[in-house]
Every structure is written in structure tokens, then in C-alpha cells.
Amino acid sequence: MNEAIALDDIATDAVALVQAFRANGEVSFQDVPLTEARANYVKACAVNGLPPEEVAGVDTRDYPVAGGHARLRRYRPLGVPAQAVTPVLLFIHGGGWVVGDLDSHDGICRTLANQTAATVIAVDYRRAPEHPFPVPLDDCQAALQFIGTEATALLVDPDRLLVVGDSAGANMATLLANLDGSTVKGQVLFYPVTDLGARHPSYQRITRGFPLTARTMHWFRDQYTPGRQDWDDPRLSPLLHAKGRRQPPLFILTAGLDPLADEGIAYASAAAQAGTAVLHRHLPRHAHGVLTSAGKVDTGRQVLAEAARFIVEVLISAGLKPSSDTVPFAPVCAHPSFLNSGAQPPARDGKYP
């Protein structure tokens, strides 16, 4: 096993959380019972994440999935008329398909709603190991279909829809964005899982010292795909099937101290080479979980604002003019000066944004 990354090599706004994790014995998800892992994750997100912003309204409802029901939570942004039809962001939370829920990412969803003037609909998909692959992915696809059929009641415009996800949620978000016949206008992926084969060098670099390591990812994979030895299925490893495939406009965040770093970088590169409009932010001295720690790690807050600006620009660039009953674009976010600990400039295709 490699030595842990030195604290001096970790970004200054993130080092305190990493130091505390190490001081407490480096106990991660795979080291405790499942119920405890789930509760600990929600608790950590509440303590370290963004404080919940006021929004115009929040409601939770059931939607149909194969064999039963799952839940959606709708966030209406501040500053839009009560009955206005808005763009919509389908948000898919991370947590290795195993942990995480509507509450763990509540602060992120509220912030995105207000910064984009879009309605955010978060998916509470059924999780592994009780519901292994492909159930979580199928639940997310069912949510996408539900938004389309119930758009009038939800006060959203399905022709102005983007998908957003982090980690395992980003894996499922990009799969939805690239479905045959998809009308998804863009995708925002925060440190996505794109190759479940765990075959990239960052898996060898990040083996201890962080909540998400190679061992943790192997445990998540075992819960999601029990007994499986081949992860080349395009519904599991989109990177392996990305060559030459032009995708909807893509914002992608990668973190250098993350076992998922190299596969995320490779996914951004493959998309750009295929002609996709790509905005890639790389944080070489940050670890996985910047967004769910954005209350303590200011870079996470800045990345979220950058992603919100991307969403607005996608919708404007697509030339999607609101109808008489839709809200005009009036996002409250400003384009920040982005501090990312020395990251390289984003890749662009020369046309967008």
C-alpha cells in the first residue's frame, strides 16, 4: 500500500477536513455496518456541506418505478412567479450507489435552483445492495420519463432539461444524457465514475488517507454489481464506449486526490475529441467530495457557481426561447473568478460557450 498523500500536498482549504479524518482513524464506508455508513454520510454532508438556502418551495412526491415507487424532491427557485414554467435540472446524488439520499445533497440542490433560476428535481433512487444494478439506473431513467409526462403539473419545460450528478450519480447522469433519442440539453458531472473496471493509475495513487480510496471504490462496486467480474457494459463504464461519440455539452469536475481522477480526465478528453462542447475543471490538490464539503471547502462553492453559470450558458446557447407562460432567464449567479489550486484552463471546442 502506498503512503498517504502528505498534508502539505493538499489544498489549504481542504487540509483541515483530511487531517481530521486521518486523526479519527481513517474509518470509511466499508469499515462500518451499512446503516451506520448511511447515517454517517448524511451527518457529514449536513456538517460540512452548504447551508440550506431559502427557495421558493420544496415538495417531495412518489413516482412510479418497476415494482413499486421511488421519490422525487422538487426545488422551486426564488424570484420566479408561482405558476411560471422553468427549465429543469434532474439531480442524481452520489454515494457509490449505496449511501446518500435526498437530504445528503439538499444544500447543493437549493443552491443550484437559485443560481440558475431552474427547478431542480432530485431523485431518491433505490440503492444497492438491496437494489443492485441496474435498479438505481432504471429508477433514474424512470424519473426522467416522469418529468416528461408530468411536466405541466411540475411546472417545468422538459425541452429545457439538463442532468446533474456527482460520483455514482454522475455516472448515471451521463448515461441518461446519452440515451438514444435523448433530448437532454447538457450534463454536469462532478468527479464521475466512468470506468468500473478500476484500471486507471489514480487507483494506485489514492489507497489511503481519504474517505474515498481505491478500496472504498472496490467495496461500492461489489455492492452495486455483486459477483460480477466484467464491467465493460456501457451502462456501467461509459468511458469505454465514448470514443467518437459526440455528447450533449459537458461540464466535468475532476480532483487530483481521487481514485476517479484519471478516468474522469479521460472521459473529458474523449468527449472533446468527439466534438463535444466541454468545460473541464481539474483540482490537482483536492480530493473527492468537494461539493458535499462546500460549506467548509470554499473551492466547492466556487465550482458549484461555475457549474451554474455553465447551465445558464447552455440554455442560452441552445436558443431555447421561453413561451408566454415560461419564466425568462434571470439567474442570480455571477461568473466568479475561479480559484482551483493551479488547475489547467478548461478544454473547449472553440465554439462553446
Protein backbone atom coordinates (compact mmCIF):
# COMPACT_ATOMS: atom_id res chain seq x y z
CA MET A 1 0.00 0.00 0.00
CA ASN A 2 1.25 3.46 -0.89
CA GLU A 3 1.97 6.08 1.73
CA ALA A 4 -0.78 8.63 2.31
CA ILE A 5 -0.51 11.88 0.37
CA ALA A 6 1.35 14.41 2.54
CA LEU A 7 -0.79 17.11 4.12
CA ASP A 8 1.47 19.72 2.51
CA ASP A 9 0.31 18.46 -0.89
CA ILE A 10 -3.37 19.06 -0.10
CA ALA A 11 -5.11 22.34 -0.91
CA THR A 12 -5.17 24.74 2.02
CA ASP A 13 -8.98 24.98 2.14
CA ALA A 14 -9.31 21.18 2.29
CA VAL A 15 -6.46 20.11 4.55
CA ALA A 16 -8.32 20.51 7.86
CA LEU A 17 -11.03 18.00 6.90
CA VAL A 18 -8.46 15.49 5.65
CA GLN A 19 -6.39 15.92 8.80
CA ALA A 20 -9.45 15.30 10.98
CA PHE A 21 -10.35 12.18 9.00
CA ARG A 22 -6.87 10.77 9.48
CA ALA A 23 -6.79 11.67 13.18
CA ASN A 24 -10.04 9.74 13.67
CA GLY A 25 -8.57 6.52 12.30
CA GLU A 26 -9.45 6.79 8.60
CA VAL A 27 -12.73 4.94 9.11
CA SER A 28 -14.64 4.90 5.82
CA PHE A 29 -17.87 3.45 4.48
CA GLN A 30 -16.68 -0.12 4.12
CA ASP A 31 -15.42 -0.23 7.71
CA VAL A 32 -18.79 0.06 9.49
CA PRO A 33 -22.24 -1.56 9.18
CA LEU A 34 -24.29 -0.35 6.24
CA THR A 35 -26.89 1.51 8.30
CA GLU A 36 -24.11 3.33 10.13
CA ALA A 37 -22.33 4.19 6.89
CA ARG A 38 -25.52 5.71 5.51
CA ALA A 39 -26.25 7.71 8.64
CA ASN A 40 -22.66 8.91 8.92
CA TYR A 41 -22.66 10.15 5.32
CA VAL A 42 -25.84 12.18 5.74
CA LYS A 43 -24.49 13.59 9.00
CA ALA A 44 -21.15 14.55 7.41
CA CYS A 45 -22.89 16.25 4.49
CA ALA A 46 -25.02 18.26 6.91
CA VAL A 47 -22.00 19.34 8.97
CA ASN A 48 -19.60 20.05 6.09
CA GLY A 49 -21.94 20.91 3.23
CA LEU A 50 -23.55 24.12 2.09
CA PRO A 51 -26.10 25.61 4.49
CA PRO A 52 -29.63 25.24 3.11
CA GLU A 53 -30.65 28.34 1.19
CA GLU A 54 -34.22 29.54 1.19
CA VAL A 55 -36.00 28.59 -2.03
CA ALA A 56 -39.50 29.40 -3.26
CA GLY A 57 -40.79 25.94 -2.47
CA VAL A 58 -39.83 22.33 -1.77
CA ASP A 59 -42.05 19.28 -2.09
CA THR A 60 -41.47 15.54 -2.18
CA ARG A 61 -43.60 13.09 -4.11
CA ASP A 62 -43.63 9.48 -5.23
CA TYR A 63 -43.15 8.43 -8.83
CA PRO A 64 -43.58 5.00 -10.40
CA VAL A 65 -40.65 2.63 -10.92
CA ALA A 66 -40.54 -1.04 -11.86
CA GLY A 67 -42.04 -2.99 -8.98
CA GLY A 68 -43.09 -0.01 -6.88
CA HIS A 69 -42.38 3.64 -6.24
CA ALA A 70 -39.40 5.90 -5.54
CA ARG A 71 -39.31 9.55 -4.50
CA LEU A 72 -38.52 12.87 -6.11
CA ARG A 73 -37.90 16.19 -4.40
CA ARG A 74 -38.70 19.38 -6.31
CA TYR A 75 -36.97 22.69 -5.55
CA ARG A 76 -38.52 25.86 -6.99
CA PRO A 77 -36.08 28.79 -7.29
CA LEU A 78 -36.54 32.13 -5.60
CA GLY A 79 -37.64 35.02 -7.74
CA VAL A 80 -39.88 33.27 -10.26
CA PRO A 81 -43.68 33.64 -10.41
CA ALA A 82 -45.54 30.91 -8.57
CA GLN A 83 -47.03 29.32 -11.71
CA ALA A 84 -44.14 30.01 -14.08
CA VAL A 85 -42.74 27.14 -16.12
CA THR A 86 -38.97 26.94 -15.70
CA PRO A 87 -36.04 24.97 -17.09
CA VAL A 88 -35.37 21.80 -15.11
CA LEU A 89 -32.29 20.11 -13.68
CA LEU A 90 -32.54 16.42 -12.93
CA PHE A 91 -30.16 15.92 -10.00
CA ILE A 92 -28.77 12.45 -9.18
CA HIS A 93 -26.91 12.19 -5.88
CA GLY A 94 -23.67 10.32 -5.36
CA GLY A 95 -22.64 7.86 -2.70
CA GLY A 96 -21.41 4.81 -4.59
CA TRP A 97 -24.99 3.69 -5.40
CA VAL A 98 -25.07 2.69 -1.71
CA VAL A 99 -25.18 5.78 0.55
CA GLY A 100 -26.61 9.26 0.07
CA ASP A 101 -30.22 10.39 -0.28
CA LEU A 102 -32.36 13.46 -0.79
CA ASP A 103 -31.09 15.02 2.44
CA SER A 104 -27.37 14.49 1.82
CA HIS A 105 -27.40 16.79 -1.24
CA ASP A 106 -30.17 19.15 -0.18
CA GLY A 107 -27.92 22.22 0.13
CA ILE A 108 -26.45 21.65 -3.33
CA CYS A 109 -29.89 21.37 -4.93
CA ARG A 110 -31.14 24.54 -3.25
CA THR A 111 -28.10 26.50 -4.36
CA LEU A 112 -28.35 25.26 -7.94
CA ALA A 113 -32.03 26.17 -8.14
CA ASN A 114 -31.41 29.74 -7.04
CA GLN A 115 -28.27 30.24 -9.11
CA THR A 116 -29.83 29.01 -12.35
CA ALA A 117 -33.50 30.05 -11.98
CA ALA A 118 -34.32 26.43 -12.85
CA THR A 119 -36.43 23.94 -10.96
CA VAL A 120 -34.23 21.18 -9.54
CA ILE A 121 -35.75 17.71 -9.27
CA ALA A 122 -33.64 15.35 -7.15
CA VAL A 123 -34.05 11.57 -7.47
CA ASP A 124 -34.21 9.27 -4.45
CA TYR A 125 -33.41 6.13 -6.44
CA ARG A 126 -33.39 2.75 -4.74
CA ARG A 127 -29.87 1.86 -3.59
CA ALA A 128 -27.57 -1.12 -3.59
CA PRO A 129 -27.01 -3.65 -2.12
CA GLU A 130 -30.75 -4.11 -1.57
CA HIS A 131 -31.32 -3.00 -5.17
CA PRO A 132 -28.21 -3.73 -7.26
CA PHE A 133 -27.54 -2.79 -10.90
CA PRO A 134 -29.49 -1.95 -12.96
CA VAL A 135 -32.19 -0.86 -10.50
CA PRO A 136 -30.69 2.53 -9.49
CA LEU A 137 -30.08 3.42 -13.14
CA ASP A 138 -33.54 2.26 -14.18
CA ASP A 139 -35.08 4.36 -11.39
CA CYS A 140 -33.25 7.43 -12.69
CA GLN A 141 -34.45 6.77 -16.23
CA ALA A 142 -37.98 6.39 -14.89
CA ALA A 143 -37.60 9.78 -13.18
CA LEU A 144 -36.57 11.34 -16.48
CA GLN A 145 -39.64 9.87 -18.14
CA PHE A 146 -41.86 11.01 -15.28
CA ILE A 147 -40.65 14.59 -15.70
CA GLY A 148 -41.57 14.42 -19.37
CA THR A 149 -45.08 13.10 -18.80
CA GLU A 150 -45.84 15.23 -15.72
CA ALA A 151 -44.12 18.42 -16.86
CA THR A 152 -47.29 20.52 -16.74
CA ALA A 153 -48.03 19.57 -13.13
CA LEU A 154 -44.37 20.03 -12.18
CA LEU A 155 -44.24 23.47 -13.85
CA VAL A 156 -41.13 22.57 -15.85
CA ASP A 157 -40.19 22.59 -19.51
CA PRO A 158 -38.77 19.16 -20.48
CA ASP A 159 -37.27 20.70 -23.61
CA ARG A 160 -35.01 22.75 -21.32
CA LEU A 161 -33.61 19.93 -19.20
CA LEU A 162 -30.06 19.19 -18.07
CA VAL A 163 -28.79 16.35 -15.90
CA VAL A 164 -26.51 16.90 -12.91
CA GLY A 165 -24.79 14.32 -10.73
CA ASP A 166 -21.80 13.66 -8.51
CA SER A 167 -19.71 10.49 -8.39
CA ALA A 168 -22.02 7.49 -8.90
CA GLY A 169 -24.81 9.95 -9.62
CA ALA A 170 -22.68 11.49 -12.36
CA ASN A 171 -22.21 8.01 -13.84
CA MET A 172 -25.96 7.65 -14.17
CA ALA A 173 -26.44 11.25 -15.29
CA THR A 174 -24.15 10.89 -18.30
CA LEU A 175 -25.80 7.58 -19.22
CA LEU A 176 -29.19 9.34 -19.30
CA ALA A 177 -27.78 12.24 -21.30
CA ASN A 178 -26.54 9.82 -23.96
CA LEU A 179 -29.58 7.59 -24.31
CA ASP A 180 -30.69 7.04 -27.88
CA GLY A 181 -33.14 9.79 -28.75
CA SER A 182 -32.24 11.84 -25.70
CA THR A 183 -33.30 15.48 -25.69
CA VAL A 184 -31.16 16.35 -22.67
CA LYS A 185 -29.54 19.71 -23.39
CA GLY A 186 -26.44 19.35 -21.23
CA GLN A 187 -24.74 17.45 -18.44
CA VAL A 188 -22.88 18.49 -15.30
CA LEU A 189 -20.68 15.76 -13.88
CA PHE A 190 -18.80 16.18 -10.62
CA TYR A 191 -15.95 13.60 -10.33
CA PRO A 192 -17.86 10.90 -12.23
CA VAL A 193 -17.39 7.15 -12.21
CA THR A 194 -16.78 6.33 -15.87
CA ASP A 195 -14.89 3.01 -15.74
CA LEU A 196 -15.93 0.45 -13.14
CA GLY A 197 -13.01 -1.72 -14.18
CA ALA A 198 -10.79 0.41 -11.89
CA ARG A 199 -7.96 0.21 -14.42
CA HIS A 200 -6.52 3.74 -14.25
CA PRO A 201 -3.33 4.83 -12.41
CA SER A 202 -5.13 7.05 -9.91
CA TYR A 203 -6.44 3.86 -8.30
CA GLN A 204 -2.85 3.02 -7.43
CA ARG A 205 -2.10 6.54 -6.16
CA ILE A 206 -5.05 7.00 -3.81
CA THR A 207 -5.04 4.00 -1.49
CA ARG A 208 -5.28 5.61 1.95
CA GLY A 209 -5.68 8.90 3.78
CA PHE A 210 -9.04 9.98 2.28
CA PRO A 211 -12.67 8.90 2.76
CA LEU A 212 -12.74 7.66 -0.86
CA THR A 213 -9.85 5.37 -1.80
CA ALA A 214 -9.38 2.50 -4.23
CA ARG A 215 -10.54 0.08 -1.52
CA THR A 216 -13.70 2.09 -0.94
CA MET A 217 -14.49 2.14 -4.65
CA HIS A 218 -14.00 -1.61 -4.88
CA TRP A 219 -16.45 -2.04 -1.98
CA PHE A 220 -19.03 0.22 -3.64
CA ARG A 221 -18.61 -1.70 -6.88
CA ASP A 222 -19.16 -5.01 -5.09
CA GLN A 223 -22.42 -3.70 -3.61
CA TYR A 224 -23.67 -2.37 -6.95
CA THR A 225 -22.59 -5.31 -9.13
CA PRO A 226 -22.30 -8.33 -6.80
CA GLY A 227 -20.46 -11.31 -8.24
CA ARG A 228 -19.59 -9.51 -11.45
CA GLN A 229 -16.11 -9.77 -12.98
CA ASP A 230 -16.69 -7.85 -16.22
CA TRP A 231 -17.57 -4.19 -16.06
CA ASP A 232 -17.36 -3.32 -19.77
CA ASP A 233 -21.14 -2.96 -20.08
CA PRO A 234 -21.85 0.53 -21.50
CA ARG A 235 -24.38 1.04 -18.68
CA LEU A 236 -21.55 0.67 -16.15
CA SER A 237 -18.45 2.11 -17.83
CA PRO A 238 -19.38 4.88 -20.29
CA LEU A 239 -15.72 5.78 -20.86
CA LEU A 240 -15.15 2.51 -22.70
CA HIS A 241 -17.82 3.48 -25.21
CA ALA A 242 -17.14 7.23 -25.50
CA LYS A 243 -14.73 7.23 -28.44
CA GLY A 244 -16.19 9.12 -31.39
CA ARG A 245 -19.48 9.80 -29.62
CA ARG A 246 -20.49 13.43 -29.60
CA GLN A 247 -22.35 14.18 -26.39
CA PRO A 248 -24.55 16.97 -25.07
CA PRO A 249 -22.47 19.90 -23.75
CA LEU A 250 -20.46 18.73 -20.77
CA PHE A 251 -19.19 20.36 -17.58
CA ILE A 252 -16.91 17.95 -15.75
CA LEU A 253 -15.01 18.31 -12.50
CA THR A 254 -12.07 16.09 -11.60
CA ALA A 255 -9.95 16.08 -8.44
CA GLY A 256 -6.31 15.00 -8.40
CA LEU A 257 -6.51 13.26 -5.00
CA ASP A 258 -9.33 10.99 -6.07
CA PRO A 259 -9.14 7.40 -7.36
CA LEU A 260 -11.61 8.52 -10.05
CA ALA A 261 -9.36 11.32 -11.31
CA ASP A 262 -7.82 9.64 -14.33
CA GLU A 263 -11.00 8.11 -15.69
CA GLY A 264 -12.74 11.48 -15.39
CA ILE A 265 -9.92 13.21 -17.25
CA ALA A 266 -10.03 10.52 -19.93
CA TYR A 267 -13.80 10.95 -20.28
CA ALA A 268 -13.47 14.71 -20.76
CA SER A 269 -10.77 14.13 -23.36
CA ALA A 270 -12.79 11.53 -25.28
CA ALA A 271 -15.83 13.81 -25.33
CA ALA A 272 -13.81 16.79 -26.55
CA GLN A 273 -12.10 14.74 -29.26
CA ALA A 274 -15.52 13.64 -30.49
CA GLY A 275 -16.62 17.26 -30.92
CA THR A 276 -18.49 17.72 -27.65
CA ALA A 277 -18.51 21.16 -26.06
CA VAL A 278 -16.52 20.52 -22.86
CA LEU A 279 -15.71 22.66 -19.85
CA HIS A 280 -13.28 20.69 -17.68
CA ARG A 281 -12.23 21.87 -14.22
CA HIS A 282 -9.40 19.95 -12.61
CA LEU A 283 -8.41 20.46 -8.97
CA PRO A 284 -5.00 18.80 -8.57
CA ARG A 285 -4.77 19.23 -4.79
CA HIS A 286 -8.34 18.41 -3.80
CA ALA A 287 -9.98 15.07 -3.02
CA HIS A 288 -13.32 13.50 -3.88
CA GLY A 289 -16.31 15.13 -2.20
CA VAL A 290 -15.56 18.83 -2.75
CA LEU A 291 -19.23 19.59 -3.42
CA THR A 292 -20.63 17.83 -0.35
CA SER A 293 -17.96 19.61 1.73
CA ALA A 294 -18.54 23.03 0.19
CA GLY A 295 -19.59 24.55 3.49
CA LYS A 296 -16.02 24.03 4.72
CA VAL A 297 -14.08 23.84 1.44
CA ASP A 298 -14.64 27.12 -0.36
CA THR A 299 -13.42 25.75 -3.69
CA GLY A 300 -16.53 23.55 -3.73
CA ARG A 301 -18.76 26.60 -3.51
CA GLN A 302 -16.86 28.21 -6.39
CA VAL A 303 -17.11 25.09 -8.54
CA LEU A 304 -20.86 24.97 -7.99
CA ALA A 305 -21.19 28.60 -9.08
CA GLU A 306 -19.14 27.82 -12.18
CA ALA A 307 -21.38 24.86 -12.96
CA ALA A 308 -24.46 27.04 -12.54
CA ARG A 309 -23.04 29.53 -14.99
CA PHE A 310 -22.40 26.69 -17.44
CA ILE A 311 -26.03 25.57 -17.14
CA VAL A 312 -27.29 29.05 -17.89
CA GLU A 313 -24.97 29.37 -20.88
CA VAL A 314 -26.07 26.00 -22.28
CA LEU A 315 -29.69 27.05 -22.21
CA ILE A 316 -28.94 30.43 -23.75
CA SER A 317 -26.63 28.94 -26.38
CA ALA A 318 -29.26 26.38 -27.36
CA GLY A 319 -31.54 29.29 -28.29
CA LEU A 320 -34.40 27.97 -26.21
CA LYS A 321 -36.83 30.85 -26.12
CA PRO A 322 -39.41 30.68 -23.36
CA SER A 323 -43.08 30.57 -24.31
CA SER A 324 -45.59 33.03 -22.92
CA ASP A 325 -46.07 31.06 -19.70
CA THR A 326 -42.41 30.28 -19.05
CA VAL A 327 -40.10 32.30 -16.89
CA PRO A 328 -37.44 34.27 -18.78
CA PHE A 329 -33.86 33.62 -17.78
CA ALA A 330 -32.90 35.68 -14.75
CA PRO A 331 -30.31 33.59 -12.89
CA VAL A 332 -28.86 35.16 -9.80
CA CYS A 333 -25.36 33.70 -10.13
CA ALA A 334 -22.42 35.76 -11.28
CA HIS A 335 -19.47 34.33 -13.15
CA PRO A 336 -16.84 34.01 -10.40
CA SER A 337 -13.12 34.31 -10.65
CA PHE A 338 -12.38 30.63 -10.22
CA LEU A 339 -9.71 29.56 -7.75
CA ASN A 340 -8.76 25.96 -8.29
CA SER A 341 -5.32 25.48 -6.81
CA GLY A 342 -3.44 25.73 -10.08
CA ALA A 343 -5.79 23.80 -12.35
CA GLN A 344 -5.23 23.97 -16.07
CA PRO A 345 -7.57 26.08 -18.22
CA PRO A 346 -10.75 24.30 -19.27
CA ALA A 347 -10.88 22.44 -22.56
CA ARG A 348 -13.24 23.98 -25.08
CA ASP A 349 -14.13 23.15 -28.64
CA GLY A 350 -13.75 26.74 -29.84
CA LYS A 351 -17.48 27.30 -30.27
CA TYR A 352 -19.00 26.98 -26.82
CA PRO A 353 -19.63 28.53 -24.50
